[in-house]
Amino acid sequence: MATARNINISEIIDNSKMSVFHFGIAILCGLCVMIDGFDVQALGYAAPALIKDWRIAGSALGPVFSAALFGVLIGSLLFSIVADKIGRRPMLIAATLFFSVMTFLAGRVNSINELLFVRFIAGMGLGGIMPNALALIGEYTPAKSRASMTVMIANAFNVGAALGGFVAAWLIPAFGWRSVFYFGGSIPLVIAVLMIVFLPE
């Protein structure tokens, strides 16, 4: 009579080798973190043109910057807890869709108060990306490659922030400051669809 055999999933993952499957997850999570980096910095890129357009003092945007970062803080704590309950994949997809919509709406605002509110809410979605993407990478990557892969994905944030400056320099002269938020809101929609199709739980 055959006996039941226990399978240790963590042990199997730790002892496996990096494959196309692992790199696929890394690419999706990296893209997520990259656009996260872009969107966190989006207001900084748009600020000079926005100040000129609205004819306001530069200091007026200070609370908006703070509100966005405060939203990131709350989102990173809140969505990490929720992800423990419902899983990393649905939380990562939901956070991506959420900040995508809110970033797009930031391009539609017409006052400082509206911008402050929208960026705070968007920041909450942005805060849900990094911790869940890194956790998902840590759960799927073999032990020997886990540290280096986690560092690479974390640095995708800086890549997105850096590339965003070049994108903004191209978009703003041609389409105005609102185009930075339209771009920052549309790309995550594509990434979310890719995650729905390809990202495992």
N, C-alpha and C. Protein backbone atom coordinates (compact mmCIF):
# COMPACT_ATOMS: atom_id res chain seq x y z
N MET A 1 0.85 -1.20 0.00
CA MET A 1 0.00 0.00 0.00
C MET A 1 0.89 1.25 0.00
N ALA A 2 0.61 2.16 -0.91
CA ALA A 2 1.43 3.38 -1.03
C ALA A 2 1.20 4.29 0.16
N THR A 3 2.26 4.90 0.61
CA THR A 3 2.17 5.83 1.74
C THR A 3 2.22 7.26 1.25
N ALA A 4 1.54 8.13 1.96
CA ALA A 4 1.53 9.54 1.60
C ALA A 4 2.91 10.14 1.82
N ARG A 5 3.31 11.04 0.93
CA ARG A 5 4.62 11.66 1.01
C ARG A 5 4.47 13.16 1.10
N ASN A 6 5.07 13.73 2.14
CA ASN A 6 5.00 15.17 2.33
C ASN A 6 5.91 15.88 1.33
N ILE A 7 5.42 16.97 0.78
CA ILE A 7 6.20 17.77 -0.17
C ILE A 7 6.45 19.14 0.44
N ASN A 8 7.70 19.52 0.54
CA ASN A 8 8.08 20.82 1.08
C ASN A 8 8.32 21.78 -0.09
N ILE A 9 7.34 22.64 -0.34
CA ILE A 9 7.41 23.54 -1.49
C ILE A 9 8.61 24.50 -1.36
N SER A 10 8.82 25.03 -0.16
CA SER A 10 9.93 25.96 0.05
C SER A 10 11.27 25.30 -0.27
N GLU A 11 11.40 24.04 0.11
CA GLU A 11 12.65 23.32 -0.16
C GLU A 11 12.85 23.10 -1.65
N ILE A 12 11.76 22.79 -2.35
CA ILE A 12 11.85 22.60 -3.80
C ILE A 12 12.28 23.88 -4.49
N ILE A 13 11.68 25.00 -4.07
CA ILE A 13 12.03 26.29 -4.67
C ILE A 13 13.48 26.65 -4.37
N ASP A 14 13.89 26.48 -3.13
CA ASP A 14 15.25 26.84 -2.71
C ASP A 14 16.31 26.06 -3.47
N ASN A 15 16.02 24.80 -3.81
CA ASN A 15 17.01 23.94 -4.46
C ASN A 15 16.90 23.94 -5.98
N SER A 16 15.96 24.69 -6.53
CA SER A 16 15.80 24.72 -7.98
C SER A 16 16.79 25.70 -8.61
N LYS A 17 16.84 25.69 -9.94
CA LYS A 17 17.72 26.60 -10.67
C LYS A 17 16.87 27.69 -11.33
N MET A 18 17.51 28.84 -11.56
CA MET A 18 16.81 29.93 -12.25
C MET A 18 16.41 29.48 -13.65
N SER A 19 15.16 29.77 -14.01
CA SER A 19 14.62 29.34 -15.29
C SER A 19 13.86 30.49 -15.94
N VAL A 20 13.30 30.23 -17.10
CA VAL A 20 12.49 31.23 -17.80
C VAL A 20 11.31 31.65 -16.92
N PHE A 21 10.77 30.69 -16.19
CA PHE A 21 9.67 30.97 -15.27
C PHE A 21 10.06 32.02 -14.24
N HIS A 22 11.23 31.83 -13.61
CA HIS A 22 11.70 32.77 -12.59
C HIS A 22 11.98 34.14 -13.19
N PHE A 23 12.62 34.16 -14.35
CA PHE A 23 12.95 35.44 -14.99
C PHE A 23 11.69 36.17 -15.44
N GLY A 24 10.66 35.41 -15.83
CA GLY A 24 9.40 36.03 -16.21
C GLY A 24 8.76 36.77 -15.05
N ILE A 25 8.78 36.13 -13.87
CA ILE A 25 8.25 36.78 -12.67
C ILE A 25 9.07 38.01 -12.34
N ALA A 26 10.40 37.89 -12.46
CA ALA A 26 11.28 39.01 -12.15
C ALA A 26 11.03 40.20 -13.08
N ILE A 27 10.80 39.92 -14.35
CA ILE A 27 10.54 41.00 -15.33
C ILE A 27 9.24 41.72 -14.99
N LEU A 28 8.19 40.97 -14.70
CA LEU A 28 6.90 41.58 -14.37
C LEU A 28 6.99 42.43 -13.11
N CYS A 29 7.63 41.87 -12.08
CA CYS A 29 7.77 42.62 -10.83
C CYS A 29 8.69 43.83 -11.02
N GLY A 30 9.73 43.65 -11.85
CA GLY A 30 10.64 44.76 -12.13
C GLY A 30 9.96 45.90 -12.86
N LEU A 31 9.11 45.56 -13.83
CA LEU A 31 8.35 46.59 -14.56
C LEU A 31 7.41 47.34 -13.61
N CYS A 32 6.81 46.58 -12.70
CA CYS A 32 5.91 47.18 -11.72
C CYS A 32 6.65 48.19 -10.85
N VAL A 33 7.78 47.78 -10.34
CA VAL A 33 8.58 48.64 -9.47
C VAL A 33 9.14 49.82 -10.26
N MET A 34 9.47 49.60 -11.53
CA MET A 34 10.02 50.66 -12.36
C MET A 34 8.99 51.78 -12.58
N ILE A 35 7.76 51.41 -12.92
CA ILE A 35 6.75 52.44 -13.13
C ILE A 35 6.35 53.07 -11.80
N ASP A 36 6.52 52.32 -10.71
CA ASP A 36 6.34 52.87 -9.37
C ASP A 36 7.32 54.02 -9.15
N GLY A 37 8.59 53.78 -9.51
CA GLY A 37 9.62 54.82 -9.38
C GLY A 37 9.31 56.04 -10.22
N PHE A 38 8.81 55.80 -11.43
CA PHE A 38 8.45 56.91 -12.31
C PHE A 38 7.32 57.74 -11.71
N ASP A 39 6.27 57.06 -11.24
CA ASP A 39 5.10 57.79 -10.77
C ASP A 39 5.35 58.52 -9.45
N VAL A 40 6.19 57.97 -8.60
CA VAL A 40 6.52 58.67 -7.35
C VAL A 40 7.19 60.00 -7.67
N GLN A 41 8.00 60.02 -8.74
CA GLN A 41 8.73 61.24 -9.12
C GLN A 41 7.97 62.11 -10.12
N ALA A 42 6.80 61.65 -10.58
CA ALA A 42 6.09 62.33 -11.67
C ALA A 42 5.84 63.81 -11.40
N LEU A 43 5.40 64.12 -10.19
CA LEU A 43 5.10 65.51 -9.87
C LEU A 43 6.35 66.38 -9.94
N GLY A 44 7.49 65.82 -9.53
CA GLY A 44 8.74 66.58 -9.60
C GLY A 44 9.08 66.97 -11.04
N TYR A 45 8.82 66.06 -11.98
CA TYR A 45 9.08 66.36 -13.39
C TYR A 45 8.11 67.41 -13.93
N ALA A 46 6.85 67.31 -13.50
CA ALA A 46 5.82 68.21 -14.03
C ALA A 46 5.77 69.55 -13.32
N ALA A 47 6.38 69.65 -12.15
CA ALA A 47 6.23 70.84 -11.30
C ALA A 47 6.58 72.16 -11.98
N PRO A 48 7.74 72.30 -12.65
CA PRO A 48 8.05 73.60 -13.25
C PRO A 48 7.00 74.08 -14.25
N ALA A 49 6.53 73.16 -15.11
CA ALA A 49 5.52 73.54 -16.10
C ALA A 49 4.18 73.81 -15.43
N LEU A 50 3.86 73.04 -14.38
CA LEU A 50 2.61 73.23 -13.65
C LEU A 50 2.60 74.59 -12.95
N ILE A 51 3.70 74.93 -12.31
CA ILE A 51 3.82 76.23 -11.62
C ILE A 51 3.62 77.38 -12.59
N LYS A 52 4.20 77.25 -13.76
CA LYS A 52 4.07 78.29 -14.79
C LYS A 52 2.64 78.37 -15.30
N ASP A 53 2.02 77.21 -15.51
CA ASP A 53 0.66 77.15 -16.04
C ASP A 53 -0.35 77.72 -15.06
N TRP A 54 -0.22 77.36 -13.79
CA TRP A 54 -1.17 77.82 -12.78
C TRP A 54 -0.78 79.14 -12.14
N ARG A 55 0.42 79.61 -12.43
CA ARG A 55 0.92 80.87 -11.90
C ARG A 55 0.88 80.89 -10.37
N ILE A 56 1.52 79.88 -9.80
CA ILE A 56 1.57 79.76 -8.34
C ILE A 56 3.03 79.74 -7.88
N ALA A 57 3.22 79.94 -6.60
CA ALA A 57 4.56 79.86 -6.03
C ALA A 57 5.00 78.40 -5.93
N GLY A 58 6.29 78.16 -6.10
CA GLY A 58 6.80 76.80 -6.02
C GLY A 58 6.54 76.16 -4.67
N SER A 59 6.54 76.97 -3.63
CA SER A 59 6.31 76.44 -2.28
C SER A 59 4.90 75.88 -2.10
N ALA A 60 3.98 76.26 -2.97
CA ALA A 60 2.60 75.77 -2.86
C ALA A 60 2.51 74.28 -3.10
N LEU A 61 3.51 73.73 -3.80
CA LEU A 61 3.49 72.29 -4.10
C LEU A 61 4.11 71.45 -2.98
N GLY A 62 4.71 72.11 -1.99
CA GLY A 62 5.34 71.38 -0.89
C GLY A 62 4.40 70.40 -0.21
N PRO A 63 3.20 70.84 0.20
CA PRO A 63 2.25 69.91 0.84
C PRO A 63 1.83 68.77 -0.08
N VAL A 64 1.81 69.01 -1.39
CA VAL A 64 1.42 67.96 -2.34
C VAL A 64 2.48 66.86 -2.36
N PHE A 65 3.76 67.26 -2.39
CA PHE A 65 4.84 66.28 -2.35
C PHE A 65 4.76 65.46 -1.06
N SER A 66 4.52 66.14 0.06
CA SER A 66 4.45 65.45 1.34
C SER A 66 3.25 64.51 1.39
N ALA A 67 2.12 64.93 0.85
CA ALA A 67 0.92 64.11 0.86
C ALA A 67 1.14 62.82 0.08
N ALA A 68 1.80 62.92 -1.06
CA ALA A 68 2.06 61.74 -1.88
C ALA A 68 2.95 60.74 -1.13
N LEU A 69 3.99 61.24 -0.49
CA LEU A 69 4.90 60.35 0.24
C LEU A 69 4.23 59.76 1.48
N PHE A 70 3.37 60.54 2.11
CA PHE A 70 2.62 60.03 3.26
C PHE A 70 1.67 58.92 2.81
N GLY A 71 1.10 59.10 1.63
CA GLY A 71 0.25 58.06 1.06
C GLY A 71 1.02 56.78 0.78
N VAL A 72 2.26 56.92 0.29
CA VAL A 72 3.12 55.76 0.04
C VAL A 72 3.37 55.00 1.35
N LEU A 73 3.64 55.75 2.41
CA LEU A 73 3.89 55.14 3.71
C LEU A 73 2.69 54.32 4.18
N ILE A 74 1.51 54.94 4.11
CA ILE A 74 0.29 54.25 4.55
C ILE A 74 0.01 53.03 3.67
N GLY A 75 0.16 53.22 2.37
CA GLY A 75 -0.11 52.13 1.43
C GLY A 75 0.81 50.94 1.62
N SER A 76 2.10 51.21 1.88
CA SER A 76 3.05 50.12 2.06
C SER A 76 2.71 49.29 3.29
N LEU A 77 2.25 49.94 4.35
CA LEU A 77 1.88 49.22 5.57
C LEU A 77 0.54 48.50 5.40
N LEU A 78 -0.45 49.22 4.87
CA LEU A 78 -1.80 48.67 4.74
C LEU A 78 -1.86 47.50 3.76
N PHE A 79 -1.30 47.71 2.56
CA PHE A 79 -1.42 46.69 1.52
C PHE A 79 -0.54 45.47 1.79
N SER A 80 0.51 45.63 2.57
CA SER A 80 1.32 44.48 2.95
C SER A 80 0.52 43.55 3.87
N ILE A 81 -0.25 44.16 4.77
CA ILE A 81 -1.10 43.37 5.68
C ILE A 81 -2.20 42.67 4.90
N VAL A 82 -2.83 43.41 3.98
CA VAL A 82 -3.91 42.83 3.17
C VAL A 82 -3.38 41.69 2.31
N ALA A 83 -2.17 41.85 1.76
CA ALA A 83 -1.57 40.82 0.92
C ALA A 83 -1.35 39.52 1.67
N ASP A 84 -1.08 39.61 2.97
CA ASP A 84 -0.92 38.40 3.78
C ASP A 84 -2.23 37.62 3.87
N LYS A 85 -3.34 38.32 3.69
CA LYS A 85 -4.65 37.69 3.79
C LYS A 85 -5.13 37.15 2.44
N ILE A 86 -4.94 37.93 1.37
CA ILE A 86 -5.52 37.55 0.08
C ILE A 86 -4.49 37.08 -0.94
N GLY A 87 -3.20 37.26 -0.65
CA GLY A 87 -2.16 36.81 -1.57
C GLY A 87 -1.45 37.98 -2.24
N ARG A 88 -0.20 37.76 -2.65
CA ARG A 88 0.61 38.82 -3.27
C ARG A 88 0.10 39.18 -4.67
N ARG A 89 -0.25 38.17 -5.45
CA ARG A 89 -0.64 38.43 -6.83
C ARG A 89 -1.86 39.36 -6.94
N PRO A 90 -2.99 39.02 -6.31
CA PRO A 90 -4.15 39.93 -6.43
C PRO A 90 -3.88 41.31 -5.85
N MET A 91 -3.09 41.37 -4.77
CA MET A 91 -2.80 42.67 -4.17
C MET A 91 -1.93 43.51 -5.07
N LEU A 92 -0.94 42.88 -5.72
CA LEU A 92 -0.04 43.61 -6.61
C LEU A 92 -0.80 44.12 -7.83
N ILE A 93 -1.68 43.30 -8.37
CA ILE A 93 -2.48 43.72 -9.53
C ILE A 93 -3.44 44.84 -9.14
N ALA A 94 -4.10 44.68 -7.99
CA ALA A 94 -5.05 45.70 -7.53
C ALA A 94 -4.35 47.02 -7.27
N ALA A 95 -3.19 46.99 -6.62
CA ALA A 95 -2.45 48.22 -6.33
C ALA A 95 -2.00 48.91 -7.61
N THR A 96 -1.59 48.11 -8.60
CA THR A 96 -1.15 48.67 -9.89
C THR A 96 -2.31 49.35 -10.60
N LEU A 97 -3.45 48.69 -10.65
CA LEU A 97 -4.63 49.29 -11.28
C LEU A 97 -5.08 50.54 -10.54
N PHE A 98 -5.02 50.48 -9.21
CA PHE A 98 -5.45 51.60 -8.38
C PHE A 98 -4.61 52.84 -8.63
N PHE A 99 -3.28 52.70 -8.56
CA PHE A 99 -2.46 53.90 -8.74
C PHE A 99 -2.44 54.32 -10.21
N SER A 100 -2.73 53.40 -11.12
CA SER A 100 -2.84 53.77 -12.53
C SER A 100 -3.99 54.76 -12.74
N VAL A 101 -5.15 54.43 -12.20
CA VAL A 101 -6.32 55.29 -12.34
C VAL A 101 -6.10 56.63 -11.65
N MET A 102 -5.55 56.59 -10.43
CA MET A 102 -5.37 57.82 -9.66
C MET A 102 -4.29 58.72 -10.29
N THR A 103 -3.26 58.12 -10.87
CA THR A 103 -2.24 58.94 -11.54
C THR A 103 -2.81 59.59 -12.79
N PHE A 104 -3.64 58.84 -13.52
CA PHE A 104 -4.30 59.43 -14.69
C PHE A 104 -5.18 60.60 -14.27
N LEU A 105 -5.89 60.45 -13.15
CA LEU A 105 -6.76 61.52 -12.66
C LEU A 105 -5.96 62.75 -12.24
N ALA A 106 -4.70 62.54 -11.83
CA ALA A 106 -3.86 63.68 -11.45
C ALA A 106 -3.64 64.62 -12.64
N GLY A 107 -3.74 64.07 -13.83
CA GLY A 107 -3.62 64.91 -15.03
C GLY A 107 -4.87 65.69 -15.35
N ARG A 108 -5.95 65.45 -14.58
CA ARG A 108 -7.22 66.12 -14.84
C ARG A 108 -7.55 67.19 -13.80
N VAL A 109 -6.72 67.33 -12.78
CA VAL A 109 -7.05 68.26 -11.69
C VAL A 109 -6.87 69.71 -12.13
N ASN A 110 -7.52 70.62 -11.39
CA ASN A 110 -7.45 72.04 -11.73
C ASN A 110 -7.15 72.94 -10.54
N SER A 111 -6.77 72.34 -9.41
CA SER A 111 -6.42 73.14 -8.25
C SER A 111 -5.42 72.39 -7.38
N ILE A 112 -4.76 73.12 -6.49
CA ILE A 112 -3.79 72.52 -5.59
C ILE A 112 -4.46 71.51 -4.66
N ASN A 113 -5.62 71.85 -4.15
CA ASN A 113 -6.32 70.95 -3.23
C ASN A 113 -6.71 69.64 -3.91
N GLU A 114 -7.17 69.73 -5.15
CA GLU A 114 -7.50 68.52 -5.90
C GLU A 114 -6.26 67.67 -6.14
N LEU A 115 -5.18 68.32 -6.51
CA LEU A 115 -3.93 67.61 -6.77
C LEU A 115 -3.42 66.94 -5.50
N LEU A 116 -3.50 67.65 -4.38
CA LEU A 116 -3.04 67.10 -3.10
C LEU A 116 -3.84 65.84 -2.75
N PHE A 117 -5.13 65.90 -2.90
CA PHE A 117 -5.98 64.75 -2.57
C PHE A 117 -5.68 63.56 -3.48
N VAL A 118 -5.61 63.81 -4.77
CA VAL A 118 -5.40 62.73 -5.74
C VAL A 118 -4.02 62.10 -5.56
N ARG A 119 -3.00 62.92 -5.31
CA ARG A 119 -1.65 62.37 -5.14
C ARG A 119 -1.53 61.59 -3.84
N PHE A 120 -2.25 61.99 -2.81
CA PHE A 120 -2.24 61.22 -1.56
C PHE A 120 -2.85 59.84 -1.79
N ILE A 121 -4.00 59.80 -2.46
CA ILE A 121 -4.66 58.52 -2.74
C ILE A 121 -3.81 57.67 -3.67
N ALA A 122 -3.23 58.29 -4.69
CA ALA A 122 -2.36 57.55 -5.61
C ALA A 122 -1.15 57.00 -4.87
N GLY A 123 -0.63 57.78 -3.92
CA GLY A 123 0.52 57.34 -3.14
C GLY A 123 0.24 56.06 -2.37
N MET A 124 -0.99 55.88 -1.92
CA MET A 124 -1.35 54.65 -1.22
C MET A 124 -1.20 53.45 -2.15
N GLY A 125 -1.65 53.60 -3.39
CA GLY A 125 -1.47 52.52 -4.36
C GLY A 125 -0.02 52.27 -4.68
N LEU A 126 0.74 53.35 -4.83
CA LEU A 126 2.18 53.22 -5.10
C LEU A 126 2.88 52.48 -3.97
N GLY A 127 2.45 52.74 -2.74
CA GLY A 127 3.07 52.10 -1.59
C GLY A 127 2.84 50.61 -1.54
N GLY A 128 1.81 50.13 -2.21
CA GLY A 128 1.53 48.70 -2.22
C GLY A 128 2.36 47.91 -3.21
N ILE A 129 3.12 48.60 -4.06
CA ILE A 129 3.87 47.90 -5.11
C ILE A 129 5.17 47.29 -4.59
N MET A 130 6.05 48.11 -4.06
CA MET A 130 7.39 47.66 -3.70
C MET A 130 7.41 46.49 -2.73
N PRO A 131 6.75 46.57 -1.57
CA PRO A 131 6.84 45.45 -0.62
C PRO A 131 6.28 44.15 -1.16
N ASN A 132 5.20 44.22 -1.92
CA ASN A 132 4.59 42.99 -2.44
C ASN A 132 5.37 42.41 -3.61
N ALA A 133 5.95 43.27 -4.43
CA ALA A 133 6.78 42.78 -5.53
C ALA A 133 8.03 42.09 -4.99
N LEU A 134 8.66 42.68 -3.99
CA LEU A 134 9.86 42.09 -3.40
C LEU A 134 9.52 40.79 -2.65
N ALA A 135 8.37 40.78 -1.99
CA ALA A 135 7.96 39.56 -1.28
C ALA A 135 7.70 38.43 -2.27
N LEU A 136 7.06 38.75 -3.39
CA LEU A 136 6.76 37.73 -4.40
C LEU A 136 8.05 37.17 -5.00
N ILE A 137 9.00 38.06 -5.27
CA ILE A 137 10.30 37.61 -5.79
C ILE A 137 10.99 36.71 -4.77
N GLY A 138 10.95 37.11 -3.51
CA GLY A 138 11.59 36.31 -2.46
C GLY A 138 10.97 34.94 -2.32
N GLU A 139 9.66 34.83 -2.55
CA GLU A 139 8.96 33.56 -2.39
C GLU A 139 9.24 32.60 -3.54
N TYR A 140 9.52 33.13 -4.74
CA TYR A 140 9.68 32.28 -5.91
C TYR A 140 11.12 32.02 -6.31
N THR A 141 12.04 32.89 -5.92
CA THR A 141 13.42 32.78 -6.38
C THR A 141 14.20 31.74 -5.57
N PRO A 142 15.00 30.89 -6.24
CA PRO A 142 15.86 29.93 -5.53
C PRO A 142 16.78 30.64 -4.53
N ALA A 143 17.12 29.94 -3.46
CA ALA A 143 17.88 30.55 -2.36
C ALA A 143 19.18 31.19 -2.82
N LYS A 144 19.90 30.53 -3.75
CA LYS A 144 21.21 31.04 -4.17
C LYS A 144 21.11 32.36 -4.93
N SER A 145 19.99 32.61 -5.55
CA SER A 145 19.82 33.82 -6.37
C SER A 145 18.92 34.86 -5.72
N ARG A 146 18.38 34.55 -4.55
CA ARG A 146 17.34 35.39 -3.96
C ARG A 146 17.83 36.80 -3.62
N ALA A 147 18.99 36.90 -2.99
CA ALA A 147 19.48 38.21 -2.57
C ALA A 147 19.78 39.11 -3.76
N SER A 148 20.48 38.57 -4.76
CA SER A 148 20.83 39.37 -5.93
C SER A 148 19.60 39.77 -6.73
N MET A 149 18.64 38.86 -6.84
CA MET A 149 17.42 39.17 -7.59
C MET A 149 16.59 40.23 -6.87
N THR A 150 16.52 40.15 -5.55
CA THR A 150 15.77 41.14 -4.76
C THR A 150 16.39 42.52 -4.92
N VAL A 151 17.72 42.59 -4.90
CA VAL A 151 18.41 43.87 -5.06
C VAL A 151 18.15 44.45 -6.46
N MET A 152 18.18 43.58 -7.47
CA MET A 152 17.93 44.04 -8.84
C MET A 152 16.53 44.61 -8.99
N ILE A 153 15.55 43.92 -8.43
CA ILE A 153 14.16 44.39 -8.53
C ILE A 153 13.98 45.69 -7.77
N ALA A 154 14.59 45.79 -6.60
CA ALA A 154 14.49 47.03 -5.81
C ALA A 154 15.09 48.21 -6.57
N ASN A 155 16.18 47.97 -7.29
CA ASN A 155 16.83 49.04 -8.04
C ASN A 155 16.07 49.44 -9.30
N ALA A 156 15.08 48.64 -9.69
CA ALA A 156 14.23 49.03 -10.81
C ALA A 156 13.49 50.31 -10.49
N PHE A 157 13.24 50.56 -9.20
CA PHE A 157 12.62 51.81 -8.76
C PHE A 157 13.47 53.00 -9.20
N ASN A 158 14.78 52.91 -8.97
CA ASN A 158 15.68 53.99 -9.35
C ASN A 158 15.77 54.15 -10.86
N VAL A 159 15.71 53.02 -11.57
CA VAL A 159 15.74 53.07 -13.03
C VAL A 159 14.52 53.81 -13.56
N GLY A 160 13.36 53.48 -13.01
CA GLY A 160 12.13 54.16 -13.43
C GLY A 160 12.16 55.64 -13.13
N ALA A 161 12.69 56.00 -11.95
CA ALA A 161 12.78 57.41 -11.57
C ALA A 161 13.73 58.16 -12.50
N ALA A 162 14.85 57.51 -12.87
CA ALA A 162 15.84 58.16 -13.74
C ALA A 162 15.32 58.30 -15.17
N LEU A 163 14.74 57.23 -15.70
CA LEU A 163 14.22 57.27 -17.07
C LEU A 163 13.06 58.25 -17.19
N GLY A 164 12.33 58.42 -16.08
CA GLY A 164 11.19 59.33 -16.10
C GLY A 164 11.57 60.75 -16.46
N GLY A 165 12.77 61.15 -16.07
CA GLY A 165 13.23 62.50 -16.40
C GLY A 165 13.35 62.70 -17.90
N PHE A 166 13.85 61.68 -18.59
CA PHE A 166 13.99 61.76 -20.05
C PHE A 166 12.63 61.74 -20.73
N VAL A 167 11.73 60.90 -20.19
CA VAL A 167 10.37 60.83 -20.76
C VAL A 167 9.66 62.17 -20.58
N ALA A 168 9.79 62.74 -19.40
CA ALA A 168 9.14 64.03 -19.13
C ALA A 168 9.72 65.14 -20.00
N ALA A 169 11.02 65.11 -20.21
CA ALA A 169 11.67 66.12 -21.05
C ALA A 169 11.16 66.05 -22.49
N TRP A 170 10.75 64.88 -22.91
CA TRP A 170 10.21 64.71 -24.26
C TRP A 170 8.72 65.07 -24.30
N LEU A 171 7.96 64.67 -23.27
CA LEU A 171 6.51 64.87 -23.28
C LEU A 171 6.09 66.31 -23.03
N ILE A 172 6.67 66.94 -22.01
CA ILE A 172 6.16 68.25 -21.56
C ILE A 172 6.23 69.34 -22.64
N PRO A 173 7.36 69.50 -23.35
CA PRO A 173 7.37 70.55 -24.39
C PRO A 173 6.35 70.32 -25.48
N ALA A 174 6.05 69.06 -25.76
CA ALA A 174 5.13 68.76 -26.86
C ALA A 174 3.67 68.70 -26.42
N PHE A 175 3.42 68.19 -25.21
CA PHE A 175 2.04 67.93 -24.80
C PHE A 175 1.64 68.57 -23.47
N GLY A 176 2.55 69.22 -22.78
CA GLY A 176 2.22 69.86 -21.52
C GLY A 176 2.44 68.95 -20.31
N TRP A 177 2.36 69.53 -19.12
CA TRP A 177 2.69 68.79 -17.90
C TRP A 177 1.70 67.67 -17.61
N ARG A 178 0.47 67.80 -18.05
CA ARG A 178 -0.53 66.76 -17.78
C ARG A 178 -0.17 65.45 -18.45
N SER A 179 0.57 65.51 -19.55
CA SER A 179 0.93 64.29 -20.28
C SER A 179 1.82 63.37 -19.45
N VAL A 180 2.57 63.92 -18.50
CA VAL A 180 3.41 63.09 -17.63
C VAL A 180 2.53 62.15 -16.81
N PHE A 181 1.42 62.67 -16.31
CA PHE A 181 0.51 61.84 -15.52
C PHE A 181 -0.29 60.88 -16.40
N TYR A 182 -0.63 61.31 -17.62
CA TYR A 182 -1.32 60.41 -18.53
C TYR A 182 -0.42 59.22 -18.89
N PHE A 183 0.83 59.51 -19.12
CA PHE A 183 1.80 58.44 -19.42
C PHE A 183 1.96 57.53 -18.20
N GLY A 184 2.15 58.17 -17.03
CA GLY A 184 2.34 57.41 -15.80
C GLY A 184 1.12 56.61 -15.40
N GLY A 185 -0.04 56.98 -15.90
CA GLY A 185 -1.25 56.24 -15.59
C GLY A 185 -1.58 55.16 -16.59
N SER A 186 -1.16 55.32 -17.84
CA SER A 186 -1.51 54.36 -18.88
C SER A 186 -0.60 53.13 -18.91
N ILE A 187 0.69 53.33 -18.69
CA ILE A 187 1.63 52.20 -18.73
C ILE A 187 1.29 51.13 -17.69
N PRO A 188 0.94 51.50 -16.45
CA PRO A 188 0.58 50.46 -15.48
C PRO A 188 -0.62 49.61 -15.89
N LEU A 189 -1.52 50.15 -16.70
CA LEU A 189 -2.65 49.36 -17.17
C LEU A 189 -2.16 48.18 -18.01
N VAL A 190 -1.17 48.44 -18.85
CA VAL A 190 -0.59 47.38 -19.68
C VAL A 190 0.11 46.35 -18.79
N ILE A 191 0.86 46.84 -17.81
CA ILE A 191 1.57 45.94 -16.90
C ILE A 191 0.58 45.09 -16.10
N ALA A 192 -0.52 45.68 -15.67
CA ALA A 192 -1.54 44.94 -14.92
C ALA A 192 -2.13 43.81 -15.74
N VAL A 193 -2.39 44.08 -17.01
CA VAL A 193 -2.92 43.03 -17.90
C VAL A 193 -1.92 41.90 -18.05
N LEU A 194 -0.65 42.25 -18.22
CA LEU A 194 0.40 41.22 -18.32
C LEU A 194 0.47 40.40 -17.04
N MET A 195 0.33 41.05 -15.89
CA MET A 195 0.37 40.32 -14.62
C MET A 195 -0.84 39.40 -14.48
N ILE A 196 -2.01 39.85 -14.92
CA ILE A 196 -3.21 39.02 -14.85
C ILE A 196 -3.01 37.73 -15.66
N VAL A 197 -2.35 37.86 -16.80
CA VAL A 197 -2.16 36.72 -17.70
C VAL A 197 -1.01 35.82 -17.26
N PHE A 198 0.11 36.42 -16.85
CA PHE A 198 1.35 35.65 -16.66
C PHE A 198 1.83 35.48 -15.23
N LEU A 199 1.39 36.34 -14.31
CA LEU A 199 1.96 36.28 -12.96
C LEU A 199 1.29 35.19 -12.14
N PRO A 200 2.07 34.26 -11.59
CA PRO A 200 1.48 33.19 -10.77
C PRO A 200 1.22 33.68 -9.34
N GLU A 201 0.45 32.91 -8.60
CA GLU A 201 0.21 33.20 -7.19
C GLU A 201 1.13 32.31 -6.35
